[in-house]
Amino acid sequence: MGNDDDFENKLVQRLAALRESRGWSLEELATQSGISRATLSRLERGETSPTAALLGKLCAVYGLPMSRLIAEVEEQGAQLIRAADQPVWTDAATGFMRRMVSPPVKGMRAELIEGRLPAGAVIDYPQPPVRGLEQHIWLLDGQLDYTLDGVTYRLAAGDCLRFRLFGPTRFTCPADSGAHYLIAICEP
């Protein structure tokens, strides 16, 4: 658990640094992100853990994919990323687990992310962090409903959905099934 706490502290510090580097007050960030000033303040003080939804909103404001934010927190640059060295983050609110299998690095535009979503979980992203982001979702196990541009696609094990991201999205797991998947992301 110590490593998770360490990572979360670094993540919170990076979020505060992003806000400060733009010269924004908490109030300005609250207005742009739709997240209350109180929640942002508690987050930066380490009194609350970031959720996937909250990180999604902040990444959209900063114009960077969540995986890029997470990679900035971790000092990764090696060509071989051993399983034990792949950063893992878990959203306490939904149980969503995200492993950076191949984190983004300078000079490379693609990355690979493993996700696990428990049965009944729902994650909404009101806007993409980067418009036109290319994604490929390959469902390894379970069932996943993915809503893109108002259309819901039900994925079963082995299915792959590929698209460019421009609008809101939603990950939903049916109540009787979790989902285990890989996402390949390529910046435009």
N, C-alpha and C. Protein backbone atom coordinates (compact mmCIF):
# COMPACT_ATOMS: atom_id res chain seq x y z
N MET A 1 0.83 -1.20 0.00
CA MET A 1 0.00 0.00 0.00
C MET A 1 0.86 1.25 0.00
N GLY A 2 2.06 1.17 0.56
CA GLY A 2 2.95 2.31 0.60
C GLY A 2 3.25 2.87 -0.78
N ASN A 3 3.49 1.97 -1.78
CA ASN A 3 3.74 2.44 -3.13
C ASN A 3 2.55 3.15 -3.72
N ASP A 4 1.33 2.66 -3.46
CA ASP A 4 0.11 3.31 -3.95
C ASP A 4 -0.02 4.70 -3.34
N ASP A 5 0.24 4.82 -2.03
CA ASP A 5 0.16 6.12 -1.37
C ASP A 5 1.21 7.07 -1.93
N ASP A 6 2.41 6.55 -2.16
CA ASP A 6 3.49 7.34 -2.74
C ASP A 6 3.10 7.86 -4.11
N PHE A 7 2.57 6.95 -4.93
CA PHE A 7 2.16 7.33 -6.28
C PHE A 7 1.05 8.38 -6.23
N GLU A 8 0.07 8.17 -5.36
CA GLU A 8 -1.04 9.12 -5.26
C GLU A 8 -0.55 10.50 -4.81
N ASN A 9 0.39 10.53 -3.88
CA ASN A 9 0.96 11.81 -3.44
C ASN A 9 1.65 12.52 -4.60
N LYS A 10 2.41 11.78 -5.40
CA LYS A 10 3.09 12.36 -6.57
C LYS A 10 2.06 12.85 -7.59
N LEU A 11 0.98 12.09 -7.76
CA LEU A 11 -0.07 12.47 -8.70
C LEU A 11 -0.73 13.79 -8.28
N VAL A 12 -1.04 13.91 -7.01
CA VAL A 12 -1.66 15.12 -6.47
C VAL A 12 -0.71 16.31 -6.62
N GLN A 13 0.58 16.09 -6.36
CA GLN A 13 1.57 17.16 -6.53
C GLN A 13 1.66 17.59 -7.99
N ARG A 14 1.59 16.63 -8.92
CA ARG A 14 1.66 16.96 -10.34
C ARG A 14 0.44 17.77 -10.77
N LEU A 15 -0.73 17.41 -10.26
CA LEU A 15 -1.95 18.16 -10.58
C LEU A 15 -1.84 19.60 -10.08
N ALA A 16 -1.33 19.78 -8.87
CA ALA A 16 -1.15 21.13 -8.33
C ALA A 16 -0.14 21.90 -9.17
N ALA A 17 0.93 21.24 -9.60
CA ALA A 17 1.95 21.90 -10.42
C ALA A 17 1.39 22.32 -11.78
N LEU A 18 0.52 21.49 -12.36
CA LEU A 18 -0.10 21.85 -13.64
C LEU A 18 -0.95 23.11 -13.49
N ARG A 19 -1.72 23.19 -12.41
CA ARG A 19 -2.55 24.37 -12.17
C ARG A 19 -1.68 25.60 -11.98
N GLU A 20 -0.66 25.47 -11.14
CA GLU A 20 0.21 26.60 -10.83
C GLU A 20 1.00 27.05 -12.05
N SER A 21 1.41 26.11 -12.91
CA SER A 21 2.19 26.48 -14.09
C SER A 21 1.37 27.33 -15.07
N ARG A 22 0.07 27.21 -14.98
CA ARG A 22 -0.82 28.02 -15.83
C ARG A 22 -1.23 29.32 -15.14
N GLY A 23 -0.83 29.46 -13.88
CA GLY A 23 -1.16 30.67 -13.14
C GLY A 23 -2.63 30.75 -12.75
N TRP A 24 -3.27 29.57 -12.62
CA TRP A 24 -4.70 29.53 -12.30
C TRP A 24 -4.91 29.43 -10.80
N SER A 25 -5.94 30.09 -10.32
CA SER A 25 -6.38 29.91 -8.94
C SER A 25 -7.24 28.65 -8.90
N LEU A 26 -7.53 28.18 -7.70
CA LEU A 26 -8.45 27.05 -7.57
C LEU A 26 -9.81 27.41 -8.15
N GLU A 27 -10.22 28.66 -7.96
CA GLU A 27 -11.51 29.13 -8.48
C GLU A 27 -11.55 29.03 -10.00
N GLU A 28 -10.45 29.46 -10.67
CA GLU A 28 -10.40 29.38 -12.14
C GLU A 28 -10.46 27.94 -12.62
N LEU A 29 -9.73 27.06 -11.94
CA LEU A 29 -9.74 25.65 -12.33
C LEU A 29 -11.13 25.05 -12.08
N ALA A 30 -11.77 25.44 -11.00
CA ALA A 30 -13.13 24.95 -10.70
C ALA A 30 -14.08 25.35 -11.82
N THR A 31 -13.99 26.58 -12.28
CA THR A 31 -14.86 27.07 -13.35
C THR A 31 -14.62 26.29 -14.64
N GLN A 32 -13.37 26.05 -14.98
CA GLN A 32 -13.04 25.37 -16.23
C GLN A 32 -13.35 23.87 -16.20
N SER A 33 -13.22 23.26 -15.02
CA SER A 33 -13.36 21.80 -14.93
C SER A 33 -14.76 21.34 -14.51
N GLY A 34 -15.51 22.22 -13.87
CA GLY A 34 -16.81 21.80 -13.34
C GLY A 34 -16.68 21.05 -12.02
N ILE A 35 -15.49 21.08 -11.41
CA ILE A 35 -15.24 20.44 -10.12
C ILE A 35 -15.25 21.56 -9.08
N SER A 36 -15.90 21.32 -7.96
CA SER A 36 -16.00 22.38 -6.96
C SER A 36 -14.63 22.79 -6.44
N ARG A 37 -14.53 24.06 -6.05
CA ARG A 37 -13.29 24.60 -5.50
C ARG A 37 -12.90 23.82 -4.24
N ALA A 38 -13.90 23.48 -3.42
CA ALA A 38 -13.64 22.74 -2.18
C ALA A 38 -13.03 21.37 -2.48
N THR A 39 -13.55 20.67 -3.48
CA THR A 39 -13.02 19.36 -3.84
C THR A 39 -11.59 19.49 -4.36
N LEU A 40 -11.34 20.49 -5.19
CA LEU A 40 -9.99 20.72 -5.71
C LEU A 40 -9.02 21.03 -4.57
N SER A 41 -9.45 21.83 -3.63
CA SER A 41 -8.61 22.18 -2.49
C SER A 41 -8.28 20.95 -1.65
N ARG A 42 -9.31 20.12 -1.37
CA ARG A 42 -9.09 18.89 -0.59
C ARG A 42 -8.14 17.95 -1.35
N LEU A 43 -8.30 17.89 -2.66
CA LEU A 43 -7.44 17.04 -3.49
C LEU A 43 -5.99 17.49 -3.39
N GLU A 44 -5.74 18.78 -3.57
CA GLU A 44 -4.37 19.28 -3.53
C GLU A 44 -3.74 19.17 -2.15
N ARG A 45 -4.54 19.15 -1.11
CA ARG A 45 -4.02 18.98 0.26
C ARG A 45 -3.87 17.50 0.62
N GLY A 46 -4.27 16.61 -0.28
CA GLY A 46 -4.15 15.18 -0.03
C GLY A 46 -5.20 14.64 0.91
N GLU A 47 -6.31 15.37 1.08
CA GLU A 47 -7.38 14.94 1.99
C GLU A 47 -8.40 14.05 1.31
N THR A 48 -8.36 13.97 -0.01
CA THR A 48 -9.26 13.11 -0.76
C THR A 48 -8.49 12.49 -1.91
N SER A 49 -8.90 11.30 -2.32
CA SER A 49 -8.24 10.61 -3.43
C SER A 49 -8.90 10.99 -4.75
N PRO A 50 -8.11 11.12 -5.82
CA PRO A 50 -8.70 11.42 -7.11
C PRO A 50 -9.45 10.21 -7.66
N THR A 51 -10.60 10.46 -8.26
CA THR A 51 -11.37 9.40 -8.92
C THR A 51 -11.08 9.45 -10.41
N ALA A 52 -11.46 8.41 -11.13
CA ALA A 52 -11.28 8.39 -12.58
C ALA A 52 -12.05 9.54 -13.23
N ALA A 53 -13.28 9.80 -12.75
CA ALA A 53 -14.09 10.88 -13.32
C ALA A 53 -13.43 12.23 -13.09
N LEU A 54 -12.93 12.46 -11.89
CA LEU A 54 -12.27 13.72 -11.57
C LEU A 54 -11.01 13.90 -12.42
N LEU A 55 -10.19 12.85 -12.52
CA LEU A 55 -8.99 12.93 -13.34
C LEU A 55 -9.33 13.16 -14.80
N GLY A 56 -10.42 12.54 -15.27
CA GLY A 56 -10.85 12.75 -16.65
C GLY A 56 -11.18 14.21 -16.92
N LYS A 57 -11.87 14.85 -15.99
CA LYS A 57 -12.22 16.27 -16.15
C LYS A 57 -10.97 17.14 -16.12
N LEU A 58 -10.06 16.86 -15.20
CA LEU A 58 -8.84 17.66 -15.11
C LEU A 58 -7.95 17.47 -16.35
N CYS A 59 -7.85 16.25 -16.82
CA CYS A 59 -7.04 16.00 -18.02
C CYS A 59 -7.63 16.72 -19.23
N ALA A 60 -8.95 16.78 -19.31
CA ALA A 60 -9.59 17.50 -20.42
C ALA A 60 -9.24 18.98 -20.36
N VAL A 61 -9.25 19.57 -19.16
CA VAL A 61 -8.90 20.98 -18.99
C VAL A 61 -7.44 21.22 -19.38
N TYR A 62 -6.56 20.29 -19.01
CA TYR A 62 -5.13 20.45 -19.30
C TYR A 62 -4.75 19.96 -20.69
N GLY A 63 -5.68 19.28 -21.38
CA GLY A 63 -5.41 18.83 -22.74
C GLY A 63 -4.39 17.71 -22.84
N LEU A 64 -4.44 16.78 -21.88
CA LEU A 64 -3.53 15.65 -21.95
C LEU A 64 -4.24 14.37 -21.53
N PRO A 65 -3.92 13.24 -22.18
CA PRO A 65 -4.53 11.97 -21.80
C PRO A 65 -4.15 11.61 -20.36
N MET A 66 -5.05 10.89 -19.69
CA MET A 66 -4.78 10.47 -18.32
C MET A 66 -3.48 9.66 -18.24
N SER A 67 -3.24 8.85 -19.24
CA SER A 67 -2.02 8.05 -19.23
C SER A 67 -0.78 8.93 -19.30
N ARG A 68 -0.85 10.06 -19.99
CA ARG A 68 0.29 10.99 -20.06
C ARG A 68 0.52 11.61 -18.68
N LEU A 69 -0.59 11.98 -18.01
CA LEU A 69 -0.48 12.53 -16.66
C LEU A 69 0.19 11.52 -15.73
N ILE A 70 -0.27 10.28 -15.79
CA ILE A 70 0.28 9.23 -14.93
C ILE A 70 1.75 8.98 -15.27
N ALA A 71 2.09 9.02 -16.57
CA ALA A 71 3.49 8.81 -16.98
C ALA A 71 4.37 9.94 -16.48
N GLU A 72 3.84 11.16 -16.42
CA GLU A 72 4.62 12.29 -15.92
C GLU A 72 4.93 12.12 -14.44
N VAL A 73 4.08 11.39 -13.74
CA VAL A 73 4.29 11.14 -12.32
C VAL A 73 5.38 10.08 -12.14
N GLU A 74 5.38 9.10 -13.00
CA GLU A 74 6.38 8.03 -12.94
C GLU A 74 7.55 8.38 -13.85
N GLU A 75 8.75 8.16 -13.41
CA GLU A 75 9.92 8.38 -14.25
C GLU A 75 10.21 7.09 -15.02
N GLN A 76 9.50 6.91 -16.13
CA GLN A 76 9.69 5.72 -16.97
C GLN A 76 10.29 6.16 -18.30
N GLY A 77 11.18 5.43 -18.82
CA GLY A 77 11.74 5.75 -20.10
C GLY A 77 12.38 4.54 -20.74
N ALA A 78 12.42 3.46 -20.01
CA ALA A 78 13.06 2.24 -20.49
C ALA A 78 12.26 1.61 -21.62
N GLN A 79 12.95 0.88 -22.46
CA GLN A 79 12.28 0.17 -23.54
C GLN A 79 11.59 -1.09 -23.04
N LEU A 80 12.17 -1.73 -22.03
CA LEU A 80 11.57 -2.91 -21.43
C LEU A 80 10.95 -2.48 -20.11
N ILE A 81 9.65 -2.61 -20.02
CA ILE A 81 8.97 -2.24 -18.78
C ILE A 81 8.48 -3.53 -18.14
N ARG A 82 9.17 -3.94 -17.11
CA ARG A 82 8.82 -5.18 -16.42
C ARG A 82 7.47 -5.01 -15.72
N ALA A 83 6.75 -6.10 -15.58
CA ALA A 83 5.42 -6.07 -14.97
C ALA A 83 5.45 -5.37 -13.61
N ALA A 84 6.48 -5.65 -12.82
CA ALA A 84 6.57 -5.06 -11.48
C ALA A 84 6.80 -3.54 -11.52
N ASP A 85 7.26 -3.03 -12.66
CA ASP A 85 7.54 -1.60 -12.80
C ASP A 85 6.43 -0.83 -13.51
N GLN A 86 5.38 -1.52 -13.92
CA GLN A 86 4.28 -0.85 -14.61
C GLN A 86 3.39 -0.18 -13.58
N PRO A 87 3.25 1.15 -13.67
CA PRO A 87 2.43 1.86 -12.68
C PRO A 87 0.98 1.38 -12.70
N VAL A 88 0.43 1.17 -11.52
CA VAL A 88 -0.97 0.75 -11.37
C VAL A 88 -1.67 1.78 -10.51
N TRP A 89 -2.84 2.16 -10.94
CA TRP A 89 -3.66 3.11 -10.18
C TRP A 89 -5.06 2.52 -10.05
N THR A 90 -5.64 2.61 -8.87
CA THR A 90 -7.00 2.11 -8.63
C THR A 90 -7.88 3.25 -8.15
N ASP A 91 -9.04 3.38 -8.79
CA ASP A 91 -10.03 4.38 -8.41
C ASP A 91 -10.85 3.81 -7.26
N ALA A 92 -10.70 4.39 -6.08
CA ALA A 92 -11.40 3.88 -4.90
C ALA A 92 -12.92 4.00 -5.04
N ALA A 93 -13.40 4.97 -5.81
CA ALA A 93 -14.84 5.18 -5.94
C ALA A 93 -15.52 4.10 -6.77
N THR A 94 -14.84 3.58 -7.81
CA THR A 94 -15.47 2.61 -8.71
C THR A 94 -14.83 1.23 -8.68
N GLY A 95 -13.60 1.14 -8.15
CA GLY A 95 -12.86 -0.12 -8.20
C GLY A 95 -12.11 -0.30 -9.51
N PHE A 96 -12.19 0.67 -10.40
CA PHE A 96 -11.49 0.64 -11.68
C PHE A 96 -9.98 0.58 -11.44
N MET A 97 -9.32 -0.39 -12.08
CA MET A 97 -7.87 -0.54 -11.98
C MET A 97 -7.27 -0.26 -13.35
N ARG A 98 -6.23 0.56 -13.37
CA ARG A 98 -5.56 0.95 -14.62
C ARG A 98 -4.06 0.67 -14.48
N ARG A 99 -3.53 -0.18 -15.37
CA ARG A 99 -2.10 -0.51 -15.39
C ARG A 99 -1.50 0.08 -16.67
N MET A 100 -0.42 0.84 -16.50
CA MET A 100 0.28 1.42 -17.64
C MET A 100 1.27 0.37 -18.17
N VAL A 101 0.81 -0.49 -19.07
CA VAL A 101 1.63 -1.57 -19.60
C VAL A 101 2.80 -0.98 -20.39
N SER A 102 2.51 -0.02 -21.26
CA SER A 102 3.53 0.67 -22.04
C SER A 102 3.23 2.16 -21.95
N PRO A 103 3.77 2.82 -20.91
CA PRO A 103 3.46 4.23 -20.70
C PRO A 103 4.02 5.12 -21.80
N PRO A 104 3.43 6.30 -21.96
CA PRO A 104 3.94 7.22 -22.98
C PRO A 104 5.33 7.72 -22.62
N VAL A 105 6.15 7.90 -23.64
CA VAL A 105 7.48 8.46 -23.48
C VAL A 105 7.74 9.42 -24.63
N LYS A 106 8.71 10.30 -24.45
CA LYS A 106 9.08 11.22 -25.51
C LYS A 106 9.48 10.47 -26.76
N GLY A 107 9.02 10.95 -27.88
CA GLY A 107 9.40 10.35 -29.15
C GLY A 107 8.50 9.22 -29.61
N MET A 108 7.58 8.77 -28.75
CA MET A 108 6.63 7.71 -29.12
C MET A 108 5.23 8.22 -28.89
N ARG A 109 4.33 7.94 -29.84
CA ARG A 109 2.98 8.48 -29.74
C ARG A 109 1.96 7.44 -29.25
N ALA A 110 2.34 6.18 -29.19
CA ALA A 110 1.40 5.13 -28.78
C ALA A 110 1.69 4.66 -27.37
N GLU A 111 0.67 4.13 -26.74
CA GLU A 111 0.80 3.56 -25.40
C GLU A 111 -0.21 2.44 -25.25
N LEU A 112 0.00 1.60 -24.25
CA LEU A 112 -0.88 0.46 -24.02
C LEU A 112 -1.27 0.44 -22.55
N ILE A 113 -2.59 0.32 -22.30
CA ILE A 113 -3.13 0.37 -20.95
C ILE A 113 -4.00 -0.86 -20.72
N GLU A 114 -3.83 -1.49 -19.55
CA GLU A 114 -4.70 -2.58 -19.13
C GLU A 114 -5.73 -1.99 -18.17
N GLY A 115 -6.98 -2.36 -18.35
CA GLY A 115 -8.03 -1.90 -17.45
C GLY A 115 -8.84 -3.05 -16.91
N ARG A 116 -9.28 -2.91 -15.67
CA ARG A 116 -10.19 -3.87 -15.06
C ARG A 116 -11.30 -3.06 -14.39
N LEU A 117 -12.52 -3.36 -14.79
CA LEU A 117 -13.68 -2.66 -14.26
C LEU A 117 -14.57 -3.71 -13.59
N PRO A 118 -14.94 -3.51 -12.32
CA PRO A 118 -15.78 -4.50 -11.65
C PRO A 118 -17.23 -4.47 -12.15
N ALA A 119 -17.94 -5.55 -11.89
CA ALA A 119 -19.35 -5.66 -12.28
C ALA A 119 -20.13 -4.48 -11.72
N GLY A 120 -20.99 -3.91 -12.55
CA GLY A 120 -21.86 -2.81 -12.14
C GLY A 120 -21.21 -1.44 -12.16
N ALA A 121 -19.92 -1.36 -12.46
CA ALA A 121 -19.21 -0.06 -12.46
C ALA A 121 -19.59 0.79 -13.67
N VAL A 122 -19.61 2.10 -13.47
CA VAL A 122 -19.88 3.06 -14.53
C VAL A 122 -18.88 4.21 -14.39
N ILE A 123 -18.22 4.56 -15.49
CA ILE A 123 -17.32 5.72 -15.51
C ILE A 123 -17.68 6.58 -16.70
N ASP A 124 -17.98 7.84 -16.43
CA ASP A 124 -18.30 8.81 -17.47
C ASP A 124 -17.14 9.77 -17.67
N TYR A 125 -16.82 10.05 -18.91
CA TYR A 125 -15.85 11.07 -19.26
C TYR A 125 -16.59 12.08 -20.14
N PRO A 126 -16.89 13.29 -19.60
CA PRO A 126 -17.70 14.26 -20.33
C PRO A 126 -17.05 14.80 -21.60
N GLN A 127 -15.73 14.77 -21.66
CA GLN A 127 -15.04 15.20 -22.87
C GLN A 127 -13.68 14.53 -22.94
N PRO A 128 -13.14 14.38 -24.15
CA PRO A 128 -11.83 13.73 -24.26
C PRO A 128 -10.72 14.67 -23.79
N PRO A 129 -9.63 14.10 -23.30
CA PRO A 129 -8.51 14.93 -22.89
C PRO A 129 -7.85 15.61 -24.10
N VAL A 130 -7.85 14.91 -25.24
CA VAL A 130 -7.29 15.41 -26.48
C VAL A 130 -8.26 15.03 -27.60
N ARG A 131 -8.75 15.99 -28.34
CA ARG A 131 -9.67 15.69 -29.44
C ARG A 131 -8.94 14.92 -30.54
N GLY A 132 -9.61 13.89 -31.06
CA GLY A 132 -9.05 13.10 -32.14
C GLY A 132 -8.12 11.99 -31.70
N LEU A 133 -8.04 11.75 -30.39
CA LEU A 133 -7.19 10.70 -29.86
C LEU A 133 -7.64 9.35 -30.44
N GLU A 134 -6.71 8.61 -31.01
CA GLU A 134 -7.04 7.29 -31.57
C GLU A 134 -6.97 6.26 -30.45
N GLN A 135 -8.03 5.42 -30.35
CA GLN A 135 -8.05 4.37 -29.34
C GLN A 135 -8.53 3.06 -29.96
N HIS A 136 -8.01 1.97 -29.41
CA HIS A 136 -8.44 0.61 -29.76
C HIS A 136 -8.69 -0.10 -28.44
N ILE A 137 -9.91 -0.52 -28.18
CA ILE A 137 -10.24 -1.24 -26.96
C ILE A 137 -10.42 -2.71 -27.32
N TRP A 138 -9.61 -3.58 -26.72
CA TRP A 138 -9.68 -5.02 -26.96
C TRP A 138 -10.12 -5.67 -25.66
N LEU A 139 -11.32 -6.24 -25.65
CA LEU A 139 -11.85 -6.87 -24.45
C LEU A 139 -11.27 -8.28 -24.31
N LEU A 140 -10.57 -8.51 -23.21
CA LEU A 140 -9.94 -9.81 -22.97
C LEU A 140 -10.90 -10.77 -22.28
N ASP A 141 -11.71 -10.24 -21.35
CA ASP A 141 -12.58 -11.11 -20.57
C ASP A 141 -13.77 -10.30 -20.07
N GLY A 142 -14.91 -10.94 -19.92
CA GLY A 142 -16.10 -10.29 -19.38
C GLY A 142 -16.93 -9.62 -20.46
N GLN A 143 -17.59 -8.55 -20.05
CA GLN A 143 -18.47 -7.82 -20.96
C GLN A 143 -18.33 -6.34 -20.64
N LEU A 144 -18.37 -5.50 -21.68
CA LEU A 144 -18.22 -4.07 -21.50
C LEU A 144 -19.15 -3.34 -22.45
N ASP A 145 -19.90 -2.39 -21.92
CA ASP A 145 -20.70 -1.49 -22.76
C ASP A 145 -19.92 -0.18 -22.83
N TYR A 146 -19.58 0.23 -24.04
CA TYR A 146 -18.82 1.46 -24.23
C TYR A 146 -19.67 2.40 -25.08
N THR A 147 -19.97 3.56 -24.53
CA THR A 147 -20.79 4.54 -25.25
C THR A 147 -19.89 5.61 -25.83
N LEU A 148 -20.02 5.80 -27.13
CA LEU A 148 -19.20 6.72 -27.90
C LEU A 148 -20.12 7.49 -28.84
N ASP A 149 -20.10 8.81 -28.75
CA ASP A 149 -20.95 9.65 -29.62
C ASP A 149 -22.42 9.23 -29.55
N GLY A 150 -22.88 8.87 -28.36
CA GLY A 150 -24.29 8.52 -28.16
C GLY A 150 -24.66 7.11 -28.58
N VAL A 151 -23.71 6.34 -29.09
CA VAL A 151 -23.97 4.95 -29.51
C VAL A 151 -23.27 4.02 -28.53
N THR A 152 -24.02 3.03 -28.02
CA THR A 152 -23.45 2.07 -27.07
C THR A 152 -23.07 0.79 -27.81
N TYR A 153 -21.84 0.39 -27.63
CA TYR A 153 -21.32 -0.84 -28.22
C TYR A 153 -21.13 -1.85 -27.10
N ARG A 154 -21.70 -3.02 -27.24
CA ARG A 154 -21.50 -4.08 -26.26
C ARG A 154 -20.37 -4.97 -26.76
N LEU A 155 -19.29 -5.01 -25.98
CA LEU A 155 -18.14 -5.82 -26.34
C LEU A 155 -18.13 -7.11 -25.52
N ALA A 156 -17.83 -8.21 -26.19
CA ALA A 156 -17.65 -9.51 -25.56
C ALA A 156 -16.18 -9.88 -25.70
N ALA A 157 -15.74 -10.88 -24.95
CA ALA A 157 -14.34 -11.30 -24.98
C ALA A 157 -13.86 -11.50 -26.41
N GLY A 158 -12.73 -10.88 -26.73
CA GLY A 158 -12.13 -10.98 -28.06
C GLY A 158 -12.51 -9.85 -29.00
N ASP A 159 -13.59 -9.10 -28.69
CA ASP A 159 -14.00 -7.99 -29.55
C ASP A 159 -13.05 -6.82 -29.42
N CYS A 160 -12.90 -6.07 -30.52
CA CYS A 160 -12.06 -4.87 -30.53
C CYS A 160 -12.87 -3.72 -31.13
N LEU A 161 -12.91 -2.61 -30.44
CA LEU A 161 -13.58 -1.40 -30.91
C LEU A 161 -12.49 -0.36 -31.15
N ARG A 162 -12.46 0.23 -32.36
CA ARG A 162 -11.45 1.24 -32.66
C ARG A 162 -12.13 2.51 -33.16
N PHE A 163 -11.55 3.66 -32.79
CA PHE A 163 -12.21 4.93 -33.08
C PHE A 163 -11.27 6.09 -32.80
N ARG A 164 -11.71 7.26 -33.18
CA ARG A 164 -11.08 8.52 -32.79
C ARG A 164 -12.04 9.19 -31.81
N LEU A 165 -11.49 9.75 -30.77
CA LEU A 165 -12.28 10.27 -29.66
C LEU A 165 -12.50 11.78 -29.83
N PHE A 166 -13.79 12.18 -29.88
CA PHE A 166 -14.13 13.59 -30.02
C PHE A 166 -15.13 14.08 -28.98
N GLY A 167 -15.95 13.20 -28.44
CA GLY A 167 -16.99 13.63 -27.51
C GLY A 167 -16.99 12.82 -26.23
N PRO A 168 -18.10 12.93 -25.47
CA PRO A 168 -18.20 12.20 -24.20
C PRO A 168 -18.23 10.69 -24.40
N THR A 169 -17.75 9.98 -23.39
CA THR A 169 -17.75 8.51 -23.43
C THR A 169 -18.19 7.97 -22.08
N ARG A 170 -18.57 6.70 -22.10
CA ARG A 170 -18.99 6.02 -20.87
C ARG A 170 -18.56 4.56 -20.93
N PHE A 171 -17.93 4.10 -19.85
CA PHE A 171 -17.62 2.69 -19.65
C PHE A 171 -18.64 2.14 -18.68
N THR A 172 -19.34 1.06 -19.04
CA THR A 172 -20.32 0.45 -18.16
C THR A 172 -20.13 -1.07 -18.17
N CYS A 173 -20.10 -1.66 -16.98
CA CYS A 173 -20.05 -3.11 -16.89
C CYS A 173 -21.42 -3.61 -16.44
N PRO A 174 -21.97 -4.60 -17.14
CA PRO A 174 -23.23 -5.19 -16.68
C PRO A 174 -23.09 -5.70 -15.25
N ALA A 175 -24.17 -5.72 -14.53
CA ALA A 175 -24.16 -6.08 -13.11
C ALA A 175 -23.61 -7.49 -12.85
N ASP A 176 -23.70 -8.37 -13.83
CA ASP A 176 -23.27 -9.76 -13.62
C ASP A 176 -21.86 -10.05 -14.16
N SER A 177 -21.18 -9.02 -14.66
CA SER A 177 -19.88 -9.28 -15.28
C SER A 177 -18.94 -8.10 -15.12
N GLY A 178 -17.70 -8.37 -14.83
CA GLY A 178 -16.68 -7.34 -14.85
C GLY A 178 -16.07 -7.30 -16.24
N ALA A 179 -15.09 -6.45 -16.44
CA ALA A 179 -14.43 -6.36 -17.74
C ALA A 179 -12.92 -6.25 -17.54
N HIS A 180 -12.20 -6.99 -18.35
CA HIS A 180 -10.73 -6.93 -18.38
C HIS A 180 -10.36 -6.63 -19.82
N TYR A 181 -9.65 -5.53 -20.06
CA TYR A 181 -9.39 -5.10 -21.42
C TYR A 181 -8.05 -4.40 -21.56
N LEU A 182 -7.63 -4.26 -22.80
CA LEU A 182 -6.45 -3.48 -23.15
C LEU A 182 -6.91 -2.32 -24.02
N ILE A 183 -6.30 -1.16 -23.83
CA ILE A 183 -6.56 -0.01 -24.68
C ILE A 183 -5.22 0.44 -25.28
N ALA A 184 -5.19 0.51 -26.60
CA ALA A 184 -4.05 1.11 -27.29
C ALA A 184 -4.46 2.54 -27.62
N ILE A 185 -3.58 3.49 -27.28
CA ILE A 185 -3.87 4.91 -27.52
C ILE A 185 -2.74 5.48 -28.37
N CYS A 186 -3.13 6.27 -29.36
CA CYS A 186 -2.15 6.95 -30.19
C CYS A 186 -2.58 8.41 -30.31
N GLU A 187 -1.71 9.32 -29.90
CA GLU A 187 -2.03 10.73 -29.98
C GLU A 187 -2.10 11.16 -31.45
N PRO A 188 -3.02 12.12 -31.73
CA PRO A 188 -3.15 12.57 -33.13
C PRO A 188 -1.92 13.33 -33.59
